[in-house]
């Protein structure tokens, strides 16, 4: 399994990671360290969590993390749905 948690490299408090629920589904968690915490559920079974790990790693390094996350997930055809907003 690849790395599951990432922090913004530019010294911000942005956190992006993924976790497994008790039911075995994968969730992506975003926290800006101030006021926003968002959670998405991956809607398909992942045969390789490395793809997800790479997508999160690339997205957290961008100035606009959420749009970058959507773009990286789309490139890898990883489907998600919002759990919390």
Protein backbone atom coordinates (compact mmCIF):
# COMPACT_ATOMS: atom_id res chain seq x y z
CA UNK A 1 0.00 0.00 0.00
CA UNK A 2 1.21 3.52 -0.78
CA UNK A 3 1.26 6.53 1.46
CA UNK A 4 -2.20 7.45 2.77
CA UNK A 5 -1.76 10.98 4.16
CA UNK A 6 -0.27 14.11 2.59
CA UNK A 7 0.34 17.67 3.77
CA UNK A 8 0.86 20.74 1.62
CA UNK A 9 4.58 21.16 0.86
CA UNK A 10 4.40 24.96 0.97
CA UNK A 11 3.95 25.07 4.75
CA UNK A 12 0.17 25.33 4.81
CA UNK A 13 -2.09 23.31 7.04
CA UNK A 14 -3.80 21.52 4.14
CA UNK A 15 -4.27 17.78 4.71
CA UNK A 16 -5.35 15.25 2.10
CA UNK A 17 -5.54 11.53 2.74
CA UNK A 18 -7.53 8.37 2.38
CA UNK A 19 -8.83 5.78 4.81
CA UNK A 20 -10.72 2.50 4.90
CA UNK A 21 -14.06 2.38 6.69
CA UNK A 22 -15.26 -0.54 8.78
CA UNK A 23 -17.37 -1.60 5.80
CA UNK A 24 -14.22 -1.77 3.68
CA UNK A 25 -14.93 1.23 1.45
CA UNK A 26 -12.28 3.84 0.76
CA UNK A 27 -12.83 7.49 1.68
CA UNK A 28 -10.82 10.57 0.74
CA UNK A 29 -10.50 13.27 3.42
CA UNK A 30 -9.59 16.92 2.83
CA UNK A 31 -9.01 19.40 5.65
CA UNK A 32 -7.80 22.95 5.15
CA UNK A 33 -6.83 23.31 8.81
CA UNK A 34 -9.17 26.22 9.40
CA UNK A 35 -12.81 25.68 8.52
CA UNK A 36 -13.33 23.09 5.78
CA UNK A 37 -13.34 19.33 6.12
CA UNK A 38 -14.65 17.38 3.15
CA UNK A 39 -15.06 13.63 2.71
CA UNK A 40 -15.66 11.68 -0.50
CA UNK A 41 -16.33 7.96 -0.93
CA UNK A 42 -14.58 6.08 -3.74
CA UNK A 43 -17.47 4.39 -5.56
CA UNK A 44 -15.52 1.55 -7.12
CA UNK A 45 -13.23 -1.15 -5.84
CA UNK A 46 -9.57 -0.16 -6.20
CA UNK A 47 -7.26 -2.89 -7.39
CA UNK A 48 -4.26 -0.59 -6.88
CA UNK A 49 -4.29 2.00 -4.11
CA UNK A 50 -1.06 3.37 -5.54
CA UNK A 51 -3.05 5.20 -8.23
CA UNK A 52 -5.12 6.93 -5.55
CA UNK A 53 -2.02 7.71 -3.49
CA UNK A 54 -0.32 9.28 -6.51
CA UNK A 55 -3.40 11.37 -7.33
CA UNK A 56 -3.57 12.75 -3.78
CA UNK A 57 0.17 13.41 -3.71
CA UNK A 58 0.02 15.47 -6.89
CA UNK A 59 -3.14 17.35 -5.88
CA UNK A 60 -1.91 18.46 -2.44
CA UNK A 61 1.10 20.12 -4.05
CA UNK A 62 -1.07 22.48 -6.09
CA UNK A 63 -2.23 25.92 -4.88
CA UNK A 64 -5.89 24.98 -5.50
CA UNK A 65 -6.08 21.50 -3.99
CA UNK A 66 -9.72 20.56 -4.60
CA UNK A 67 -9.83 21.37 -8.34
CA UNK A 68 -6.46 19.61 -8.69
CA UNK A 69 -7.83 16.58 -6.83
CA UNK A 70 -10.82 16.33 -9.17
CA UNK A 71 -8.52 16.60 -12.20
CA UNK A 72 -6.10 13.94 -10.91
CA UNK A 73 -8.93 11.53 -10.07
CA UNK A 74 -10.49 12.08 -13.50
CA UNK A 75 -7.16 11.31 -15.22
CA UNK A 76 -7.07 7.97 -13.41
CA UNK A 77 -10.81 7.22 -13.85
CA UNK A 78 -11.38 7.04 -10.09
CA UNK A 79 -15.03 7.78 -9.34
CA UNK A 80 -16.09 9.48 -6.10
CA UNK A 81 -19.24 10.75 -4.39
CA UNK A 82 -19.51 13.36 -1.65
CA UNK A 83 -20.12 12.11 1.87
CA UNK A 84 -19.86 15.51 3.63
CA UNK A 85 -19.58 19.05 2.32
